[in-house]
Amino acid sequence: MAKFLAIYTGTATATEKAQAEGRVDEAAGMKAWGEWMDANASRVVDPGGPLGKTKKIGPGGVADITNTAAAYMIVEAPDHEAAAEMFRNHAHFTHFPGEGVEVMPILQMPAGD
């Protein structure tokens, strides 16, 4: 099976808005997340975790930047569509103020000569 990187996305603005509207139920969210993990345990390669502040390094040096990456996970699935379907109705955005989950294949490095 192929491996896929899942990036959980969210912003501080979305979090503040959800909390102000009373849409964050942490206990129900953690229960739903645990149920998702149990249901998909055989396909989770690396459960990942939350991500901290970002630094971007380029020709001009190092700079602090903001992005929407909030957490990551690595999963296995037969194909890209199946990997994406794993995250449909995920607690990250149904119970928590996350904005979505981006799923991309982890490609093989080309072999050197």
C-alpha atoms as a PDB file:
ATOM      1  CA  MET A   1       0.000   0.000   0.000  1.00  0.00           C
ATOM      2  CA  ALA A   2       1.056   3.574  -0.606  1.00  0.00           C
ATOM      3  CA  LYS A   3       1.833   6.048   2.170  1.00  0.00           C
ATOM      4  CA  PHE A   4       0.131   9.431   2.468  1.00  0.00           C
ATOM      5  CA  LEU A   5       0.858  12.533   4.523  1.00  0.00           C
ATOM      6  CA  ALA A   6      -2.202  14.115   6.112  1.00  0.00           C
ATOM      7  CA  ILE A   7      -1.871  17.725   7.216  1.00  0.00           C
ATOM      8  CA  TYR A   8      -4.573  18.971   9.573  1.00  0.00           C
ATOM      9  CA  THR A   9      -5.235  22.651   8.840  1.00  0.00           C
ATOM     10  CA  GLY A  10      -6.642  25.436  10.968  1.00  0.00           C
ATOM     11  CA  THR A  11      -6.185  29.040  11.948  1.00  0.00           C
ATOM     12  CA  ALA A  12      -6.342  31.007  15.179  1.00  0.00           C
ATOM     13  CA  THR A  13      -9.258  32.974  13.717  1.00  0.00           C
ATOM     14  CA  ALA A  14     -11.281  29.802  13.095  1.00  0.00           C
ATOM     15  CA  THR A  15     -10.522  28.591  16.618  1.00  0.00           C
ATOM     16  CA  GLU A  16     -11.591  31.887  18.194  1.00  0.00           C
ATOM     17  CA  LYS A  17     -14.786  31.973  16.113  1.00  0.00           C
ATOM     18  CA  ALA A  18     -15.735  28.381  17.004  1.00  0.00           C
ATOM     19  CA  GLN A  19     -15.119  28.999  20.697  1.00  0.00           C
ATOM     20  CA  ALA A  20     -17.170  32.216  20.627  1.00  0.00           C
ATOM     21  CA  GLU A  21     -20.047  30.341  18.959  1.00  0.00           C
ATOM     22  CA  GLY A  22     -19.808  27.503  21.505  1.00  0.00           C
ATOM     23  CA  ARG A  23     -19.008  24.926  18.802  1.00  0.00           C
ATOM     24  CA  VAL A  24     -16.033  23.354  20.599  1.00  0.00           C
ATOM     25  CA  ASP A  25     -16.924  20.279  22.670  1.00  0.00           C
ATOM     26  CA  GLU A  26     -13.537  18.913  23.659  1.00  0.00           C
ATOM     27  CA  ALA A  27     -14.834  15.775  25.407  1.00  0.00           C
ATOM     28  CA  ALA A  28     -17.009  14.754  22.445  1.00  0.00           C
ATOM     29  CA  GLY A  29     -14.198  15.655  20.054  1.00  0.00           C
ATOM     30  CA  MET A  30     -11.620  13.524  21.852  1.00  0.00           C
ATOM     31  CA  LYS A  31     -14.096  10.617  21.964  1.00  0.00           C
ATOM     32  CA  ALA A  32     -14.762  10.920  18.215  1.00  0.00           C
ATOM     33  CA  TRP A  33     -11.022  11.225  17.492  1.00  0.00           C
ATOM     34  CA  GLY A  34     -10.314   8.093  19.550  1.00  0.00           C
ATOM     35  CA  GLU A  35     -13.043   6.191  17.715  1.00  0.00           C
ATOM     36  CA  TRP A  36     -11.540   7.287  14.386  1.00  0.00           C
ATOM     37  CA  MET A  37      -8.083   6.126  15.521  1.00  0.00           C
ATOM     38  CA  ASP A  38      -9.488   2.751  16.633  1.00  0.00           C
ATOM     39  CA  ALA A  39     -11.346   2.271  13.333  1.00  0.00           C
ATOM     40  CA  ASN A  40      -8.250   3.155  11.280  1.00  0.00           C
ATOM     41  CA  ALA A  41      -5.480   1.737  13.502  1.00  0.00           C
ATOM     42  CA  SER A  42      -4.295  -0.745  10.880  1.00  0.00           C
ATOM     43  CA  ARG A  43      -3.773   2.070   8.359  1.00  0.00           C
ATOM     44  CA  VAL A  44      -2.033   4.610  10.617  1.00  0.00           C
ATOM     45  CA  VAL A  45       1.738   4.399  10.018  1.00  0.00           C
ATOM     46  CA  ASP A  46       2.639   7.381  12.223  1.00  0.00           C
ATOM     47  CA  PRO A  47      -0.019   9.038  14.411  1.00  0.00           C
ATOM     48  CA  GLY A  48       1.921  12.288  14.123  1.00  0.00           C
ATOM     49  CA  GLY A  49       1.087  15.170  16.404  1.00  0.00           C
ATOM     50  CA  PRO A  50       0.574  18.910  16.692  1.00  0.00           C
ATOM     51  CA  LEU A  51       2.906  21.288  14.873  1.00  0.00           C
ATOM     52  CA  GLY A  52       4.517  24.389  16.345  1.00  0.00           C
ATOM     53  CA  LYS A  53       5.543  27.728  14.916  1.00  0.00           C
ATOM     54  CA  THR A  54       7.128  27.734  11.453  1.00  0.00           C
ATOM     55  CA  LYS A  55      10.436  29.097  10.199  1.00  0.00           C
ATOM     56  CA  LYS A  56      11.060  29.405   6.473  1.00  0.00           C
ATOM     57  CA  ILE A  57      14.641  29.111   5.264  1.00  0.00           C
ATOM     58  CA  GLY A  58      15.596  30.371   1.817  1.00  0.00           C
ATOM     59  CA  PRO A  59      18.274  32.311  -0.058  1.00  0.00           C
ATOM     60  CA  GLY A  60      17.414  35.417   1.978  1.00  0.00           C
ATOM     61  CA  GLY A  61      17.870  33.690   5.319  1.00  0.00           C
ATOM     62  CA  VAL A  62      15.493  32.524   8.018  1.00  0.00           C
ATOM     63  CA  ALA A  63      12.098  34.089   8.699  1.00  0.00           C
ATOM     64  CA  ASP A  64       9.177  33.363  10.986  1.00  0.00           C
ATOM     65  CA  ILE A  65       6.038  32.699   8.939  1.00  0.00           C
ATOM     66  CA  THR A  66       2.423  31.739   9.516  1.00  0.00           C
ATOM     67  CA  ASN A  67       0.745  28.808   7.789  1.00  0.00           C
ATOM     68  CA  THR A  68      -2.374  26.723   8.361  1.00  0.00           C
ATOM     69  CA  ALA A  69      -0.595  23.433   9.200  1.00  0.00           C
ATOM     70  CA  ALA A  70      -1.766  22.429  12.683  1.00  0.00           C
ATOM     71  CA  ALA A  71      -0.829  18.723  12.913  1.00  0.00           C
ATOM     72  CA  TYR A  72       0.252  15.788  10.757  1.00  0.00           C
ATOM     73  CA  MET A  73      -0.267  12.040  10.394  1.00  0.00           C
ATOM     74  CA  ILE A  74       1.015   9.368   7.987  1.00  0.00           C
ATOM     75  CA  VAL A  75      -1.432   6.716   6.768  1.00  0.00           C
ATOM     76  CA  GLU A  76      -1.429   3.817   4.309  1.00  0.00           C
ATOM     77  CA  ALA A  77      -4.125   3.291   1.700  1.00  0.00           C
ATOM     78  CA  PRO A  78      -4.539   1.576  -1.676  1.00  0.00           C
ATOM     79  CA  ASP A  79      -4.705   4.942  -3.468  1.00  0.00           C
ATOM     80  CA  HIS A  80      -5.011   8.703  -3.008  1.00  0.00           C
ATOM     81  CA  GLU A  81      -8.826   8.673  -3.077  1.00  0.00           C
ATOM     82  CA  ALA A  82      -9.015   5.981  -0.383  1.00  0.00           C
ATOM     83  CA  ALA A  83      -6.576   7.929   1.794  1.00  0.00           C
ATOM     84  CA  ALA A  84      -8.668  11.091   1.422  1.00  0.00           C
ATOM     85  CA  GLU A  85     -11.886   9.219   2.226  1.00  0.00           C
ATOM     86  CA  MET A  86     -10.405   8.124   5.550  1.00  0.00           C
ATOM     87  CA  PHE A  87     -10.688  11.722   6.761  1.00  0.00           C
ATOM     88  CA  ARG A  88     -14.255  12.438   5.617  1.00  0.00           C
ATOM     89  CA  ASN A  89     -16.228  13.757   8.635  1.00  0.00           C
ATOM     90  CA  HIS A  90     -13.105  13.655  10.845  1.00  0.00           C
ATOM     91  CA  ALA A  91     -13.373  15.097  14.367  1.00  0.00           C
ATOM     92  CA  HIS A  92     -10.727  17.698  13.456  1.00  0.00           C
ATOM     93  CA  PHE A  93     -13.423  19.722  11.703  1.00  0.00           C
ATOM     94  CA  THR A  94     -16.688  18.159  12.922  1.00  0.00           C
ATOM     95  CA  HIS A  95     -16.004  18.580  16.669  1.00  0.00           C
ATOM     96  CA  PHE A  96     -13.009  20.900  16.734  1.00  0.00           C
ATOM     97  CA  PRO A  97     -12.456  24.184  14.880  1.00  0.00           C
ATOM     98  CA  GLY A  98     -10.086  22.684  12.325  1.00  0.00           C
ATOM     99  CA  GLU A  99     -10.636  23.802   8.750  1.00  0.00           C
ATOM    100  CA  GLY A 100      -9.787  20.558   6.964  1.00  0.00           C
ATOM    101  CA  VAL A 101      -7.267  17.831   6.270  1.00  0.00           C
ATOM    102  CA  GLU A 102      -4.944  17.932   3.250  1.00  0.00           C
ATOM    103  CA  VAL A 103      -3.840  14.491   2.025  1.00  0.00           C
ATOM    104  CA  MET A 104      -0.908  13.948  -0.336  1.00  0.00           C
ATOM    105  CA  PRO A 105       1.064  10.892  -1.473  1.00  0.00           C
ATOM    106  CA  ILE A 106       4.559  10.365  -0.125  1.00  0.00           C
ATOM    107  CA  LEU A 107       6.563   9.672  -3.262  1.00  0.00           C
ATOM    108  CA  GLN A 108       9.627   7.456  -3.556  1.00  0.00           C
ATOM    109  CA  MET A 109      12.973   9.182  -3.910  1.00  0.00           C
ATOM    110  CA  PRO A 110      14.544   8.480  -7.303  1.00  0.00           C
ATOM    111  CA  ALA A 111      17.396   5.995  -7.084  1.00  0.00           C
ATOM    112  CA  GLY A 112      20.857   7.427  -7.668  1.00  0.00           C
ATOM    113  CA  ASP A 113      23.268   6.055 -10.234  1.00  0.00           C
END
